[in-house]
Amino acid sequence: MHDIFEQTLANFRDQLEGKTFCVRVKRRGKQEFNSQDVERYVGGGLNQHIESAKVKLNHPDVTVNLEIEGDRLIMVQGRYAGLGRFPYRHSGRRSVTDLRWFSIPVFPAIC
C-alpha cells in the first residue's frame, strides 16, 4: 500500500495544495487489503505530507480516484458524464436490436 501512496503523492501533490480532498478507491481482483484500507492509508498520508490540504469526505474540492486491478494502479485524472440509463452491459448487437424494435410503427387495431 505504501507504493500506492507514494505514486499518488507524486501525481496529485500540486492539485491538492490549499484544497480539500477525499480519496475514492475501486478494486478488482484479489488483494490483501480492501478499498477502505487503501482510502484511509493514502488519504492519511496525503494529509500528513501536504500541510495545506485538508480531508473533507463530503463535497471536497478534489476527489482522488484510484482503481486497482490485480497488481496495476490506475489514477483517474478525469471523468466525463455519459448517457444516463444507456444499456452499457449489452453488446452492440443487442443495442441495435433494441433500437430497431422501437422504430417499428405500431398501428392501432380497428375493431
N, C-alpha and C. Protein backbone atom coordinates (compact mmCIF):
# COMPACT_ATOMS: atom_id res chain seq x y z
N MET A 1 0.81 -1.19 0.00
CA MET A 1 0.00 0.00 0.00
C MET A 1 0.86 1.26 0.00
N HIS A 2 2.03 1.15 0.54
CA HIS A 2 2.89 2.34 0.59
C HIS A 2 3.30 2.79 -0.82
N ASP A 3 3.50 1.85 -1.73
CA ASP A 3 3.81 2.20 -3.12
C ASP A 3 2.66 2.99 -3.75
N ILE A 4 1.43 2.57 -3.45
CA ILE A 4 0.26 3.28 -3.97
C ILE A 4 0.26 4.72 -3.45
N PHE A 5 0.54 4.88 -2.16
CA PHE A 5 0.59 6.23 -1.57
C PHE A 5 1.65 7.09 -2.23
N GLU A 6 2.86 6.54 -2.41
CA GLU A 6 3.96 7.32 -2.99
C GLU A 6 3.64 7.78 -4.41
N GLN A 7 3.06 6.90 -5.22
CA GLN A 7 2.71 7.28 -6.59
C GLN A 7 1.59 8.32 -6.60
N THR A 8 0.63 8.17 -5.69
CA THR A 8 -0.47 9.13 -5.62
C THR A 8 0.04 10.49 -5.18
N LEU A 9 0.93 10.52 -4.20
CA LEU A 9 1.50 11.78 -3.74
C LEU A 9 2.25 12.49 -4.86
N ALA A 10 3.03 11.74 -5.63
CA ALA A 10 3.80 12.35 -6.72
C ALA A 10 2.89 12.94 -7.79
N ASN A 11 1.76 12.30 -8.06
CA ASN A 11 0.88 12.76 -9.14
C ASN A 11 -0.12 13.83 -8.71
N PHE A 12 -0.53 13.84 -7.45
CA PHE A 12 -1.61 14.74 -7.03
C PHE A 12 -1.16 15.86 -6.11
N ARG A 13 0.12 15.95 -5.75
CA ARG A 13 0.58 16.96 -4.79
C ARG A 13 0.19 18.38 -5.24
N ASP A 14 0.46 18.74 -6.48
CA ASP A 14 0.17 20.10 -6.95
C ASP A 14 -1.32 20.40 -6.97
N GLN A 15 -2.14 19.40 -7.29
CA GLN A 15 -3.59 19.61 -7.36
C GLN A 15 -4.22 19.79 -5.98
N LEU A 16 -3.57 19.25 -4.94
CA LEU A 16 -4.16 19.27 -3.60
C LEU A 16 -3.69 20.43 -2.73
N GLU A 17 -2.69 21.18 -3.16
CA GLU A 17 -2.18 22.29 -2.36
C GLU A 17 -3.29 23.30 -2.06
N GLY A 18 -3.57 23.51 -0.78
CA GLY A 18 -4.55 24.51 -0.36
C GLY A 18 -5.99 24.15 -0.62
N LYS A 19 -6.29 22.88 -0.86
CA LYS A 19 -7.67 22.46 -1.17
C LYS A 19 -8.11 21.34 -0.24
N THR A 20 -9.42 21.09 -0.25
CA THR A 20 -9.94 19.94 0.46
C THR A 20 -9.98 18.76 -0.50
N PHE A 21 -9.86 17.54 0.04
CA PHE A 21 -9.82 16.37 -0.82
C PHE A 21 -10.39 15.14 -0.12
N CYS A 22 -10.71 14.14 -0.92
CA CYS A 22 -11.02 12.81 -0.41
C CYS A 22 -10.46 11.80 -1.40
N VAL A 23 -10.26 10.59 -0.94
CA VAL A 23 -9.71 9.52 -1.77
C VAL A 23 -10.79 8.46 -1.94
N ARG A 24 -11.05 8.07 -3.19
CA ARG A 24 -12.01 7.01 -3.51
C ARG A 24 -11.28 5.92 -4.28
N VAL A 25 -11.50 4.68 -3.90
CA VAL A 25 -10.79 3.55 -4.50
C VAL A 25 -11.79 2.51 -4.97
N LYS A 26 -11.60 2.03 -6.19
CA LYS A 26 -12.32 0.87 -6.71
C LYS A 26 -11.28 -0.22 -6.93
N ARG A 27 -11.64 -1.44 -6.60
CA ARG A 27 -10.67 -2.52 -6.61
C ARG A 27 -11.27 -3.73 -7.32
N ARG A 28 -10.46 -4.38 -8.15
CA ARG A 28 -10.85 -5.61 -8.83
C ARG A 28 -9.75 -6.64 -8.63
N GLY A 29 -10.14 -7.87 -8.38
CA GLY A 29 -9.14 -8.91 -8.20
C GLY A 29 -8.90 -9.19 -6.72
N LYS A 30 -7.94 -10.03 -6.47
CA LYS A 30 -7.62 -10.45 -5.10
C LYS A 30 -6.41 -9.66 -4.59
N GLN A 31 -6.61 -8.98 -3.47
CA GLN A 31 -5.53 -8.27 -2.80
C GLN A 31 -5.62 -8.58 -1.30
N GLU A 32 -4.57 -8.23 -0.58
CA GLU A 32 -4.53 -8.45 0.87
C GLU A 32 -5.31 -7.39 1.63
N PHE A 33 -5.78 -6.37 0.95
CA PHE A 33 -6.44 -5.24 1.58
C PHE A 33 -7.75 -4.96 0.86
N ASN A 34 -8.61 -4.17 1.51
CA ASN A 34 -9.86 -3.77 0.85
C ASN A 34 -9.78 -2.30 0.45
N SER A 35 -10.79 -1.82 -0.23
CA SER A 35 -10.79 -0.45 -0.75
C SER A 35 -10.71 0.59 0.36
N GLN A 36 -11.43 0.35 1.44
CA GLN A 36 -11.43 1.31 2.54
C GLN A 36 -10.06 1.42 3.19
N ASP A 37 -9.34 0.31 3.29
CA ASP A 37 -7.98 0.37 3.85
C ASP A 37 -7.09 1.27 3.01
N VAL A 38 -7.19 1.16 1.70
CA VAL A 38 -6.37 1.98 0.81
C VAL A 38 -6.78 3.45 0.93
N GLU A 39 -8.10 3.71 0.97
CA GLU A 39 -8.57 5.09 1.10
C GLU A 39 -8.03 5.73 2.37
N ARG A 40 -8.07 5.01 3.47
CA ARG A 40 -7.58 5.55 4.74
C ARG A 40 -6.06 5.76 4.72
N TYR A 41 -5.34 4.78 4.20
CA TYR A 41 -3.88 4.87 4.20
C TYR A 41 -3.39 6.00 3.30
N VAL A 42 -3.91 6.04 2.08
CA VAL A 42 -3.48 7.07 1.13
C VAL A 42 -3.96 8.45 1.58
N GLY A 43 -5.21 8.54 2.01
CA GLY A 43 -5.74 9.83 2.47
C GLY A 43 -5.00 10.36 3.68
N GLY A 44 -4.68 9.48 4.64
CA GLY A 44 -3.92 9.90 5.81
C GLY A 44 -2.52 10.34 5.45
N GLY A 45 -1.89 9.63 4.53
CA GLY A 45 -0.54 10.01 4.09
C GLY A 45 -0.53 11.34 3.36
N LEU A 46 -1.50 11.54 2.49
CA LEU A 46 -1.59 12.83 1.78
C LEU A 46 -1.83 13.97 2.76
N ASN A 47 -2.67 13.72 3.75
CA ASN A 47 -2.97 14.74 4.75
C ASN A 47 -1.73 15.10 5.56
N GLN A 48 -0.88 14.13 5.86
CA GLN A 48 0.34 14.39 6.62
C GLN A 48 1.41 15.08 5.79
N HIS A 49 1.52 14.72 4.51
CA HIS A 49 2.61 15.23 3.68
C HIS A 49 2.29 16.56 2.99
N ILE A 50 1.03 16.90 2.86
CA ILE A 50 0.63 18.18 2.26
C ILE A 50 -0.09 18.97 3.35
N GLU A 51 0.64 19.86 4.01
CA GLU A 51 0.11 20.55 5.18
C GLU A 51 -1.06 21.48 4.86
N SER A 52 -1.08 22.05 3.67
CA SER A 52 -2.14 23.00 3.33
C SER A 52 -3.42 22.30 2.87
N ALA A 53 -3.38 21.00 2.63
CA ALA A 53 -4.57 20.26 2.19
C ALA A 53 -5.31 19.71 3.41
N LYS A 54 -6.64 19.63 3.29
CA LYS A 54 -7.45 19.12 4.38
C LYS A 54 -8.40 18.05 3.84
N VAL A 55 -8.67 17.04 4.65
CA VAL A 55 -9.59 15.98 4.27
C VAL A 55 -11.01 16.47 4.48
N LYS A 56 -11.86 16.26 3.47
CA LYS A 56 -13.29 16.58 3.57
C LYS A 56 -14.01 15.51 2.75
N LEU A 57 -14.72 14.63 3.43
CA LEU A 57 -15.32 13.49 2.75
C LEU A 57 -16.58 13.84 1.96
N ASN A 58 -17.28 14.88 2.35
CA ASN A 58 -18.49 15.30 1.62
C ASN A 58 -18.20 16.59 0.87
N HIS A 59 -18.40 16.58 -0.43
CA HIS A 59 -18.22 17.74 -1.30
C HIS A 59 -16.82 18.35 -1.23
N PRO A 60 -15.78 17.55 -1.48
CA PRO A 60 -14.41 18.09 -1.46
C PRO A 60 -14.12 18.89 -2.74
N ASP A 61 -13.06 19.70 -2.70
CA ASP A 61 -12.62 20.40 -3.90
C ASP A 61 -12.06 19.43 -4.93
N VAL A 62 -11.30 18.44 -4.47
CA VAL A 62 -10.66 17.46 -5.36
C VAL A 62 -10.96 16.06 -4.85
N THR A 63 -11.38 15.19 -5.74
CA THR A 63 -11.56 13.78 -5.41
C THR A 63 -10.46 12.99 -6.10
N VAL A 64 -9.66 12.30 -5.32
CA VAL A 64 -8.59 11.46 -5.85
C VAL A 64 -9.19 10.09 -6.12
N ASN A 65 -9.37 9.76 -7.40
CA ASN A 65 -9.96 8.48 -7.79
C ASN A 65 -8.87 7.51 -8.21
N LEU A 66 -8.83 6.38 -7.52
CA LEU A 66 -7.86 5.34 -7.82
C LEU A 66 -8.59 4.05 -8.14
N GLU A 67 -8.06 3.29 -9.08
CA GLU A 67 -8.59 1.97 -9.40
C GLU A 67 -7.44 0.98 -9.34
N ILE A 68 -7.68 -0.13 -8.68
CA ILE A 68 -6.66 -1.17 -8.54
C ILE A 68 -7.19 -2.42 -9.23
N GLU A 69 -6.47 -2.88 -10.25
CA GLU A 69 -6.82 -4.09 -10.98
C GLU A 69 -5.67 -5.07 -10.85
N GLY A 70 -5.83 -6.07 -9.99
CA GLY A 70 -4.74 -7.01 -9.76
C GLY A 70 -3.55 -6.30 -9.16
N ASP A 71 -2.45 -6.24 -9.90
CA ASP A 71 -1.26 -5.54 -9.40
C ASP A 71 -1.03 -4.21 -10.10
N ARG A 72 -2.04 -3.71 -10.84
CA ARG A 72 -1.92 -2.42 -11.54
C ARG A 72 -2.67 -1.34 -10.79
N LEU A 73 -2.10 -0.14 -10.79
CA LEU A 73 -2.73 1.04 -10.20
C LEU A 73 -3.11 1.99 -11.33
N ILE A 74 -4.36 2.40 -11.36
CA ILE A 74 -4.85 3.35 -12.36
C ILE A 74 -5.27 4.61 -11.62
N MET A 75 -4.67 5.74 -11.98
CA MET A 75 -5.03 7.02 -11.39
C MET A 75 -5.95 7.74 -12.37
N VAL A 76 -7.18 7.92 -11.98
CA VAL A 76 -8.18 8.53 -12.84
C VAL A 76 -8.01 10.04 -12.78
N GLN A 77 -7.68 10.65 -13.93
CA GLN A 77 -7.45 12.10 -13.98
C GLN A 77 -8.73 12.88 -14.21
N GLY A 78 -9.72 12.28 -14.84
CA GLY A 78 -10.98 12.98 -15.10
C GLY A 78 -12.06 12.01 -15.48
N ARG A 79 -13.29 12.40 -15.24
CA ARG A 79 -14.44 11.60 -15.62
C ARG A 79 -15.37 12.47 -16.45
N TYR A 80 -16.04 11.84 -17.39
CA TYR A 80 -16.98 12.55 -18.24
C TYR A 80 -18.35 11.93 -18.08
N ALA A 81 -19.34 12.77 -18.03
CA ALA A 81 -20.71 12.28 -17.89
C ALA A 81 -21.11 11.56 -19.17
N GLY A 82 -21.67 10.40 -19.00
CA GLY A 82 -22.11 9.62 -20.16
C GLY A 82 -23.61 9.69 -20.30
N LEU A 83 -24.13 8.84 -21.17
CA LEU A 83 -25.57 8.77 -21.36
C LEU A 83 -26.20 8.09 -20.16
N GLY A 84 -27.19 8.71 -19.58
CA GLY A 84 -27.87 8.11 -18.45
C GLY A 84 -28.77 6.97 -18.91
N ARG A 85 -28.80 5.89 -18.16
CA ARG A 85 -29.65 4.73 -18.41
C ARG A 85 -29.39 4.06 -19.75
N PHE A 86 -28.23 4.24 -20.31
CA PHE A 86 -27.89 3.57 -21.56
C PHE A 86 -27.53 2.12 -21.23
N PRO A 87 -27.98 1.17 -22.03
CA PRO A 87 -27.71 -0.24 -21.71
C PRO A 87 -26.26 -0.62 -21.99
N TYR A 88 -25.36 -0.17 -21.14
CA TYR A 88 -23.94 -0.35 -21.36
C TYR A 88 -23.48 -1.78 -21.19
N ARG A 89 -24.25 -2.62 -20.54
CA ARG A 89 -23.83 -4.00 -20.34
C ARG A 89 -24.19 -4.90 -21.52
N HIS A 90 -24.95 -4.39 -22.45
CA HIS A 90 -25.32 -5.19 -23.62
C HIS A 90 -24.29 -5.00 -24.72
N SER A 91 -24.18 -6.00 -25.56
CA SER A 91 -23.28 -5.87 -26.71
C SER A 91 -23.88 -4.89 -27.71
N GLY A 92 -23.08 -4.43 -28.63
CA GLY A 92 -23.58 -3.50 -29.65
C GLY A 92 -24.73 -4.09 -30.45
N ARG A 93 -24.67 -5.38 -30.72
CA ARG A 93 -25.72 -6.04 -31.50
C ARG A 93 -27.05 -5.97 -30.74
N ARG A 94 -27.01 -6.19 -29.47
CA ARG A 94 -28.24 -6.15 -28.67
C ARG A 94 -28.82 -4.74 -28.66
N SER A 95 -27.97 -3.74 -28.54
CA SER A 95 -28.44 -2.36 -28.53
C SER A 95 -29.09 -1.99 -29.85
N VAL A 96 -28.49 -2.42 -30.95
CA VAL A 96 -29.07 -2.13 -32.26
C VAL A 96 -30.41 -2.82 -32.39
N THR A 97 -30.51 -4.04 -31.91
CA THR A 97 -31.77 -4.76 -31.95
C THR A 97 -32.83 -4.02 -31.16
N ASP A 98 -32.48 -3.54 -29.99
CA ASP A 98 -33.43 -2.80 -29.18
C ASP A 98 -33.87 -1.52 -29.89
N LEU A 99 -32.93 -0.83 -30.55
CA LEU A 99 -33.28 0.41 -31.24
C LEU A 99 -34.21 0.12 -32.43
N ARG A 100 -33.98 -0.99 -33.13
CA ARG A 100 -34.86 -1.33 -34.24
C ARG A 100 -36.26 -1.64 -33.76
N TRP A 101 -36.36 -2.26 -32.60
CA TRP A 101 -37.68 -2.59 -32.08
C TRP A 101 -38.49 -1.33 -31.83
N PHE A 102 -37.85 -0.27 -31.36
CA PHE A 102 -38.55 0.97 -31.10
C PHE A 102 -38.95 1.70 -32.38
N SER A 103 -38.30 1.39 -33.51
CA SER A 103 -38.61 2.10 -34.74
C SER A 103 -39.75 1.43 -35.53
N ILE A 104 -40.25 0.29 -35.09
CA ILE A 104 -41.34 -0.37 -35.80
C ILE A 104 -42.62 0.41 -35.56
N PRO A 105 -43.30 0.80 -36.64
CA PRO A 105 -44.55 1.55 -36.43
C PRO A 105 -45.64 0.63 -35.88
N VAL A 106 -46.38 1.15 -34.96
CA VAL A 106 -47.45 0.38 -34.33
C VAL A 106 -48.77 1.03 -34.73
N PHE A 107 -49.63 0.24 -35.40
CA PHE A 107 -50.93 0.74 -35.83
C PHE A 107 -52.00 0.19 -34.91
N PRO A 108 -52.92 1.03 -34.50
CA PRO A 108 -53.99 0.52 -33.62
C PRO A 108 -54.91 -0.41 -34.40
N ALA A 109 -55.36 -1.42 -33.73
CA ALA A 109 -56.29 -2.36 -34.37
C ALA A 109 -57.65 -1.70 -34.49
N ILE A 110 -58.25 -1.83 -35.65
CA ILE A 110 -59.58 -1.25 -35.87
C ILE A 110 -60.60 -2.36 -35.64
N CYS A 111 -61.45 -2.14 -34.68
CA CYS A 111 -62.45 -3.17 -34.34
C CYS A 111 -63.79 -2.83 -34.94
